[in-house]
Structures are given as structure tokens and as C-alpha cells.
Amino acid sequence: MTVPAQWPVARLRQIGSGVWILAAVVTTAGSFMPLLTFNTNFGDGGARPSMSYTLWGADNRGFEMFPMFGVPVIVGAVLLLAAGLLGLMSTRLHPASGSVLAARLIGTGGAGVLAGSLTVVFLFLQVFESVDDDGASRVNNGIGAWMLIAAAIIALIAVVLMLVPKLAKRGEEPETPAMGIPVIRVLEPEYEEEKADAEQPATDPKG
């Protein structure tokens, strides 16, 4: 069994993997926190009953209008967690190794799934915030909304940390043909042939 060559620890890759794990944890916690609180005023001066909404629906099960957006968001969190763990285990491998490339691919996909799902969620929330314009209802953003926004931002930052080193080294690599063998050009001095001719002794044609 061939043991992979050990390379120096890639610090940016290590930090990016840790940030992906942090984003997955914050996303999972934020999915169970209130996204918004819907307060209704009946106009009789009484108490205003409130209803909270998370990615998994409303706290009042009799009101099922709010769909459950938690499934795609958690899928993105799972992808980020897997990419983060895989990235931490491959910090000493070559940047072009399969584990590193897989971590970058899975993490980038997870960040995209998370950002896309949250975009749909917040577009849907705009409907609730614009239901009543007469002041009879009031919608307040909950801590869950801010946690999910922070998770999406740090997940995208981790994508940059994981991909920028690869892009920066691309211009330093030698030219590689289709055969996969780097092309190394060795330029020989042009004066060597002239010097050899000058050192050759002259021959007398008469012997």
C-alpha cells in the first residue's frame, strides 16, 4: 500500500475547512430558531398573540401555511460539514490530490445550496412582511434569520479561502502538454559552436 506524500500544512485550507464546519453548526442551530415573529392586534386594546416561524414551520401546528424550508438548508449544512472534515484530514496532501479536490467541490456545492435555499426563504418572508399595511399586524425578524445570514456569508468566505491558493499557483506551473509531462525548455548558449571552431587548429593543405 502506497502512503501519500506528506506536504506542509496548508494554513488557508485548514482555516477554510474549519469555517465550513462552523457554518454547518450555525446553520443547523439557526434552522430551529425563530425567523420572524408575527404579532396581530385585534384593535380592542387586548394582548397581541404572537406566532413564531422557523425553517420547520410555525409553532402553531394549526397554521400550516408556512412551508418547511429546513430540508434543503440542512442538506447544505451536511455538505459543508462533510467538506470541512474532509478538508481537515487532507491538509498535508498535495493540492491536486483527490481528497482536496473533493473537499473543494463538496464545500462549494454546499455553500451554493445553502445560499440558494436561504434566498428562497427570505424572498418568501417578504410576503409576510407586506401582508398588512394598516398597522394591524407587525412582523419582527428573529435571531434565526441573522444566524442563517451569517452562516451563508462565512460559508462563501470559506470557498474563497479554499480556492484562491489553487488559482494563485496556476500561473506558476510549467506548461503541460496533453501527455501530462511538464515541458522544460533548456536554452543552450549560441556561442558554443563558434568557440569550438576557433579552438580547432588550422590544417595546412600542402601537408
C-alpha atoms as a PDB file:
ATOM      1  CA  MET A   1       0.000   0.000   0.000  1.00  0.00           C
ATOM      2  CA  THR A   2       1.435   3.342  -1.052  1.00  0.00           C
ATOM      3  CA  VAL A   3       1.470   6.025   1.624  1.00  0.00           C
ATOM      4  CA  PRO A   4       0.624   9.526   0.274  1.00  0.00           C
ATOM      5  CA  ALA A   5       3.461  12.018   0.435  1.00  0.00           C
ATOM      6  CA  GLN A   6       3.268  14.410   3.364  1.00  0.00           C
ATOM      7  CA  TRP A   7       3.246  18.102   2.446  1.00  0.00           C
ATOM      8  CA  PRO A   8       3.451  21.132   4.750  1.00  0.00           C
ATOM      9  CA  VAL A   9       0.155  22.024   6.374  1.00  0.00           C
ATOM     10  CA  ALA A  10      -1.900  24.296   4.116  1.00  0.00           C
ATOM     11  CA  ARG A  11      -2.996  27.008   6.559  1.00  0.00           C
ATOM     12  CA  LEU A  12      -5.627  28.658   4.356  1.00  0.00           C
ATOM     13  CA  ARG A  13      -7.112  25.265   3.524  1.00  0.00           C
ATOM     14  CA  GLN A  14      -7.148  24.398   7.212  1.00  0.00           C
ATOM     15  CA  ILE A  15      -8.878  27.656   8.123  1.00  0.00           C
ATOM     16  CA  GLY A  16     -11.380  27.306   5.288  1.00  0.00           C
ATOM     17  CA  SER A  17     -12.298  23.784   6.387  1.00  0.00           C
ATOM     18  CA  GLY A  18     -12.856  24.966   9.949  1.00  0.00           C
ATOM     19  CA  VAL A  19     -15.030  27.831   8.734  1.00  0.00           C
ATOM     20  CA  TRP A  20     -17.176  25.377   6.740  1.00  0.00           C
ATOM     21  CA  ILE A  21     -17.715  23.299   9.894  1.00  0.00           C
ATOM     22  CA  LEU A  22     -18.643  26.464  11.808  1.00  0.00           C
ATOM     23  CA  ALA A  23     -21.102  27.438   9.071  1.00  0.00           C
ATOM     24  CA  ALA A  24     -22.726  23.995   9.246  1.00  0.00           C
ATOM     25  CA  VAL A  25     -23.169  24.256  13.029  1.00  0.00           C
ATOM     26  CA  VAL A  26     -24.583  27.798  12.856  1.00  0.00           C
ATOM     27  CA  THR A  27     -26.951  26.788  10.041  1.00  0.00           C
ATOM     28  CA  THR A  28     -28.286  23.803  11.965  1.00  0.00           C
ATOM     29  CA  ALA A  29     -28.825  25.860  15.123  1.00  0.00           C
ATOM     30  CA  GLY A  30     -30.382  28.756  13.205  1.00  0.00           C
ATOM     31  CA  SER A  31     -32.875  26.477  11.464  1.00  0.00           C
ATOM     32  CA  PHE A  32     -34.589  25.828  14.824  1.00  0.00           C
ATOM     33  CA  MET A  33     -34.531  29.473  15.924  1.00  0.00           C
ATOM     34  CA  PRO A  34     -37.376  31.895  15.074  1.00  0.00           C
ATOM     35  CA  LEU A  35     -37.025  33.504  11.662  1.00  0.00           C
ATOM     36  CA  LEU A  36     -39.764  36.011  12.395  1.00  0.00           C
ATOM     37  CA  THR A  37     -42.487  36.707  14.921  1.00  0.00           C
ATOM     38  CA  PHE A  38     -45.938  37.632  13.663  1.00  0.00           C
ATOM     39  CA  ASN A  39     -47.935  39.831  16.100  1.00  0.00           C
ATOM     40  CA  THR A  40     -51.603  40.585  15.491  1.00  0.00           C
ATOM     41  CA  ASN A  41     -53.525  43.496  17.006  1.00  0.00           C
ATOM     42  CA  PHE A  42     -57.284  42.988  17.173  1.00  0.00           C
ATOM     43  CA  GLY A  43     -57.884  46.644  17.953  1.00  0.00           C
ATOM     44  CA  ASP A  44     -59.617  46.076  21.299  1.00  0.00           C
ATOM     45  CA  GLY A  45     -56.622  47.018  23.399  1.00  0.00           C
ATOM     46  CA  GLY A  46     -56.044  43.446  24.485  1.00  0.00           C
ATOM     47  CA  ALA A  47     -52.927  41.400  24.311  1.00  0.00           C
ATOM     48  CA  ARG A  48     -51.368  40.713  20.954  1.00  0.00           C
ATOM     49  CA  PRO A  49     -50.983  37.000  20.324  1.00  0.00           C
ATOM     50  CA  SER A  50     -47.729  36.166  18.618  1.00  0.00           C
ATOM     51  CA  MET A  51     -46.715  33.331  16.362  1.00  0.00           C
ATOM     52  CA  SER A  52     -43.129  32.339  15.552  1.00  0.00           C
ATOM     53  CA  TYR A  53     -41.868  30.715  12.378  1.00  0.00           C
ATOM     54  CA  THR A  54     -38.774  28.600  11.868  1.00  0.00           C
ATOM     55  CA  LEU A  55     -37.460  26.757   8.845  1.00  0.00           C
ATOM     56  CA  TRP A  56     -39.558  23.804  10.002  1.00  0.00           C
ATOM     57  CA  GLY A  57     -42.880  25.639  10.089  1.00  0.00           C
ATOM     58  CA  ALA A  58     -44.955  27.590  12.576  1.00  0.00           C
ATOM     59  CA  ASP A  59     -45.052  26.942  16.302  1.00  0.00           C
ATOM     60  CA  ASN A  60     -48.829  26.742  15.963  1.00  0.00           C
ATOM     61  CA  ARG A  61     -49.480  23.500  14.097  1.00  0.00           C
ATOM     62  CA  GLY A  62     -52.956  24.689  13.206  1.00  0.00           C
ATOM     63  CA  PHE A  63     -51.367  27.211  10.848  1.00  0.00           C
ATOM     64  CA  GLU A  64     -49.647  25.219   8.127  1.00  0.00           C
ATOM     65  CA  MET A  65     -49.405  27.971   5.516  1.00  0.00           C
ATOM     66  CA  PHE A  66     -45.692  28.372   6.168  1.00  0.00           C
ATOM     67  CA  PRO A  67     -43.778  25.637   4.282  1.00  0.00           C
ATOM     68  CA  MET A  68     -40.850  23.758   5.763  1.00  0.00           C
ATOM     69  CA  PHE A  69     -37.642  25.086   4.206  1.00  0.00           C
ATOM     70  CA  GLY A  70     -35.454  23.201   6.653  1.00  0.00           C
ATOM     71  CA  VAL A  71     -34.741  20.194   4.442  1.00  0.00           C
ATOM     72  CA  PRO A  72     -32.703  21.903   1.660  1.00  0.00           C
ATOM     73  CA  VAL A  73     -30.936  24.121   4.188  1.00  0.00           C
ATOM     74  CA  ILE A  74     -29.893  21.127   6.282  1.00  0.00           C
ATOM     75  CA  VAL A  75     -28.712  19.361   3.115  1.00  0.00           C
ATOM     76  CA  GLY A  76     -26.404  22.313   2.506  1.00  0.00           C
ATOM     77  CA  ALA A  77     -25.207  22.158   6.118  1.00  0.00           C
ATOM     78  CA  VAL A  78     -24.424  18.435   5.811  1.00  0.00           C
ATOM     79  CA  LEU A  79     -22.407  19.067   2.644  1.00  0.00           C
ATOM     80  CA  LEU A  80     -20.460  21.827   4.394  1.00  0.00           C
ATOM     81  CA  LEU A  81     -19.760  19.575   7.371  1.00  0.00           C
ATOM     82  CA  ALA A  82     -18.540  16.743   5.136  1.00  0.00           C
ATOM     83  CA  ALA A  83     -16.343  19.113   3.127  1.00  0.00           C
ATOM     84  CA  GLY A  84     -14.896  20.650   6.289  1.00  0.00           C
ATOM     85  CA  LEU A  85     -13.982  17.297   7.822  1.00  0.00           C
ATOM     86  CA  LEU A  86     -12.522  16.051   4.546  1.00  0.00           C
ATOM     87  CA  GLY A  87     -10.548  19.273   4.169  1.00  0.00           C
ATOM     88  CA  LEU A  88      -9.077  18.988   7.674  1.00  0.00           C
ATOM     89  CA  MET A  89      -7.988  15.409   7.022  1.00  0.00           C
ATOM     90  CA  SER A  90      -6.243  16.392   3.780  1.00  0.00           C
ATOM     91  CA  THR A  91      -4.308  19.474   4.862  1.00  0.00           C
ATOM     92  CA  ARG A  92      -0.987  17.635   4.366  1.00  0.00           C
ATOM     93  CA  LEU A  93      -1.834  16.232   0.950  1.00  0.00           C
ATOM     94  CA  HIS A  94      -0.873  17.635  -2.428  1.00  0.00           C
ATOM     95  CA  PRO A  95      -3.257  20.417  -3.589  1.00  0.00           C
ATOM     96  CA  ALA A  96      -4.142  18.341  -6.652  1.00  0.00           C
ATOM     97  CA  SER A  97      -4.943  15.169  -4.698  1.00  0.00           C
ATOM     98  CA  GLY A  98      -8.388  13.606  -4.914  1.00  0.00           C
ATOM     99  CA  SER A  99      -9.322  14.360  -1.290  1.00  0.00           C
ATOM    100  CA  VAL A 100      -8.517  18.061  -1.613  1.00  0.00           C
ATOM    101  CA  LEU A 101     -10.391  18.397  -4.884  1.00  0.00           C
ATOM    102  CA  ALA A 102     -13.368  16.524  -3.428  1.00  0.00           C
ATOM    103  CA  ALA A 103     -13.425  18.797  -0.366  1.00  0.00           C
ATOM    104  CA  ARG A 104     -13.389  21.893  -2.565  1.00  0.00           C
ATOM    105  CA  LEU A 105     -16.132  20.536  -4.804  1.00  0.00           C
ATOM    106  CA  ILE A 106     -18.416  19.388  -1.982  1.00  0.00           C
ATOM    107  CA  GLY A 107     -17.898  22.569   0.044  1.00  0.00           C
ATOM    108  CA  THR A 108     -18.549  24.855  -2.901  1.00  0.00           C
ATOM    109  CA  GLY A 109     -21.694  22.890  -3.729  1.00  0.00           C
ATOM    110  CA  GLY A 110     -22.859  23.010  -0.126  1.00  0.00           C
ATOM    111  CA  ALA A 111     -22.328  26.766   0.068  1.00  0.00           C
ATOM    112  CA  GLY A 112     -24.299  27.178  -3.153  1.00  0.00           C
ATOM    113  CA  VAL A 113     -27.176  25.020  -1.883  1.00  0.00           C
ATOM    114  CA  LEU A 114     -27.245  26.956   1.392  1.00  0.00           C
ATOM    115  CA  ALA A 115     -27.149  30.380  -0.263  1.00  0.00           C
ATOM    116  CA  GLY A 116     -29.801  29.429  -2.824  1.00  0.00           C
ATOM    117  CA  SER A 117     -32.145  27.929  -0.226  1.00  0.00           C
ATOM    118  CA  LEU A 118     -31.846  30.929   2.067  1.00  0.00           C
ATOM    119  CA  THR A 119     -32.528  33.275  -0.843  1.00  0.00           C
ATOM    120  CA  VAL A 120     -35.834  31.490  -1.460  1.00  0.00           C
ATOM    121  CA  VAL A 121     -36.641  31.621   2.258  1.00  0.00           C
ATOM    122  CA  PHE A 122     -36.095  35.366   2.586  1.00  0.00           C
ATOM    123  CA  LEU A 123     -38.000  36.089  -0.616  1.00  0.00           C
ATOM    124  CA  PHE A 124     -40.894  34.156   0.873  1.00  0.00           C
ATOM    125  CA  LEU A 125     -40.612  36.119   4.123  1.00  0.00           C
ATOM    126  CA  GLN A 126     -41.115  39.352   2.198  1.00  0.00           C
ATOM    127  CA  VAL A 127     -44.685  38.207   1.572  1.00  0.00           C
ATOM    128  CA  PHE A 128     -45.369  38.055   5.294  1.00  0.00           C
ATOM    129  CA  GLU A 129     -43.770  41.438   5.927  1.00  0.00           C
ATOM    130  CA  SER A 130     -46.015  43.084   3.350  1.00  0.00           C
ATOM    131  CA  VAL A 131     -49.317  41.383   4.238  1.00  0.00           C
ATOM    132  CA  ASP A 132     -50.813  44.267   6.224  1.00  0.00           C
ATOM    133  CA  ASP A 133     -50.044  47.907   5.654  1.00  0.00           C
ATOM    134  CA  ASP A 134     -52.593  49.287   8.139  1.00  0.00           C
ATOM    135  CA  GLY A 135     -50.575  48.510  11.256  1.00  0.00           C
ATOM    136  CA  ALA A 136     -52.887  45.709  12.378  1.00  0.00           C
ATOM    137  CA  SER A 137     -50.022  43.222  12.198  1.00  0.00           C
ATOM    138  CA  ARG A 138     -46.358  43.555  12.972  1.00  0.00           C
ATOM    139  CA  VAL A 139     -43.576  41.281  11.801  1.00  0.00           C
ATOM    140  CA  ASN A 140     -40.243  41.165  13.633  1.00  0.00           C
ATOM    141  CA  ASN A 141     -37.156  39.372  12.394  1.00  0.00           C
ATOM    142  CA  GLY A 142     -35.922  36.710  14.779  1.00  0.00           C
ATOM    143  CA  ILE A 143     -32.426  35.618  15.746  1.00  0.00           C
ATOM    144  CA  GLY A 144     -32.688  32.663  13.389  1.00  0.00           C
ATOM    145  CA  ALA A 145     -32.714  34.944  10.361  1.00  0.00           C
ATOM    146  CA  TRP A 146     -29.478  36.649  11.420  1.00  0.00           C
ATOM    147  CA  MET A 147     -27.801  33.330  12.226  1.00  0.00           C
ATOM    148  CA  LEU A 148     -28.643  31.949   8.781  1.00  0.00           C
ATOM    149  CA  ILE A 149     -27.393  35.089   7.040  1.00  0.00           C
ATOM    150  CA  ALA A 150     -24.113  34.883   8.991  1.00  0.00           C
ATOM    151  CA  ALA A 151     -23.767  31.172   8.140  1.00  0.00           C
ATOM    152  CA  ALA A 152     -24.201  31.820   4.416  1.00  0.00           C
ATOM    153  CA  ILE A 153     -21.635  34.649   4.453  1.00  0.00           C
ATOM    154  CA  ILE A 154     -18.943  32.690   6.274  1.00  0.00           C
ATOM    155  CA  ALA A 155     -19.570  29.645   4.044  1.00  0.00           C
ATOM    156  CA  LEU A 156     -18.888  31.781   0.965  1.00  0.00           C
ATOM    157  CA  ILE A 157     -15.779  33.238   2.621  1.00  0.00           C
ATOM    158  CA  ALA A 158     -14.532  29.699   3.187  1.00  0.00           C
ATOM    159  CA  VAL A 159     -14.989  28.965  -0.521  1.00  0.00           C
ATOM    160  CA  VAL A 160     -12.616  31.838  -1.285  1.00  0.00           C
ATOM    161  CA  LEU A 161     -10.076  30.557   1.251  1.00  0.00           C
ATOM    162  CA  MET A 162     -10.182  27.080  -0.279  1.00  0.00           C
ATOM    163  CA  LEU A 163      -9.983  28.125  -3.936  1.00  0.00           C
ATOM    164  CA  VAL A 164      -7.730  31.196  -4.003  1.00  0.00           C
ATOM    165  CA  PRO A 165      -4.457  29.329  -3.259  1.00  0.00           C
ATOM    166  CA  LYS A 166      -5.143  26.965  -6.164  1.00  0.00           C
ATOM    167  CA  LEU A 167      -5.850  29.869  -8.507  1.00  0.00           C
ATOM    168  CA  ALA A 168      -2.760  31.760  -7.346  1.00  0.00           C
ATOM    169  CA  LYS A 169      -0.412  28.843  -8.129  1.00  0.00           C
ATOM    170  CA  ARG A 170      -1.883  28.137 -11.525  1.00  0.00           C
ATOM    171  CA  GLY A 171       0.279  30.737 -13.232  1.00  0.00           C
ATOM    172  CA  GLU A 172       3.484  29.364 -11.677  1.00  0.00           C
ATOM    173  CA  GLU A 173       3.120  25.828 -13.048  1.00  0.00           C
ATOM    174  CA  PRO A 174       5.156  24.866 -16.123  1.00  0.00           C
ATOM    175  CA  GLU A 175       3.463  24.338 -19.409  1.00  0.00           C
ATOM    176  CA  THR A 176       1.990  20.836 -19.564  1.00  0.00           C
ATOM    177  CA  PRO A 177       1.031  19.102 -22.823  1.00  0.00           C
ATOM    178  CA  ALA A 178      -1.765  16.575 -23.249  1.00  0.00           C
ATOM    179  CA  MET A 179       0.583  13.721 -22.271  1.00  0.00           C
ATOM    180  CA  GLY A 180       0.776  15.138 -18.757  1.00  0.00           C
ATOM    181  CA  ILE A 181       4.578  15.639 -18.730  1.00  0.00           C
ATOM    182  CA  PRO A 182       5.784  19.194 -17.993  1.00  0.00           C
ATOM    183  CA  VAL A 183       7.688  20.848 -20.789  1.00  0.00           C
ATOM    184  CA  ILE A 184      11.129  22.042 -19.713  1.00  0.00           C
ATOM    185  CA  ARG A 185      12.999  24.161 -22.191  1.00  0.00           C
ATOM    186  CA  VAL A 186      16.798  24.290 -21.867  1.00  0.00           C
ATOM    187  CA  LEU A 187      18.371  27.066 -23.888  1.00  0.00           C
ATOM    188  CA  GLU A 188      21.973  26.401 -24.831  1.00  0.00           C
ATOM    189  CA  PRO A 189      24.396  29.283 -25.384  1.00  0.00           C
ATOM    190  CA  GLU A 190      24.687  30.238 -29.015  1.00  0.00           C
ATOM    191  CA  TYR A 191      28.436  30.908 -28.847  1.00  0.00           C
ATOM    192  CA  GLU A 192      29.482  27.328 -28.052  1.00  0.00           C
ATOM    193  CA  GLU A 193      29.735  26.300 -31.728  1.00  0.00           C
ATOM    194  CA  GLU A 194      31.720  29.397 -32.638  1.00  0.00           C
ATOM    195  CA  LYS A 195      34.107  28.736 -29.754  1.00  0.00           C
ATOM    196  CA  ALA A 196      34.679  25.154 -30.910  1.00  0.00           C
ATOM    197  CA  ASP A 197      35.526  26.331 -34.425  1.00  0.00           C
ATOM    198  CA  ALA A 198      38.002  28.844 -33.077  1.00  0.00           C
ATOM    199  CA  GLU A 199      39.820  26.215 -30.991  1.00  0.00           C
ATOM    200  CA  GLN A 200      40.208  23.770 -33.936  1.00  0.00           C
ATOM    201  CA  PRO A 201      43.822  24.021 -35.281  1.00  0.00           C
ATOM    202  CA  ALA A 202      44.259  25.147 -38.825  1.00  0.00           C
ATOM    203  CA  THR A 203      45.467  22.455 -41.225  1.00  0.00           C
ATOM    204  CA  ASP A 204      47.987  23.125 -43.969  1.00  0.00           C
ATOM    205  CA  PRO A 205      46.629  21.883 -47.334  1.00  0.00           C
ATOM    206  CA  LYS A 206      50.217  21.203 -48.532  1.00  0.00           C
ATOM    207  CA  GLY A 207      50.768  18.729 -45.765  1.00  0.00           C
END
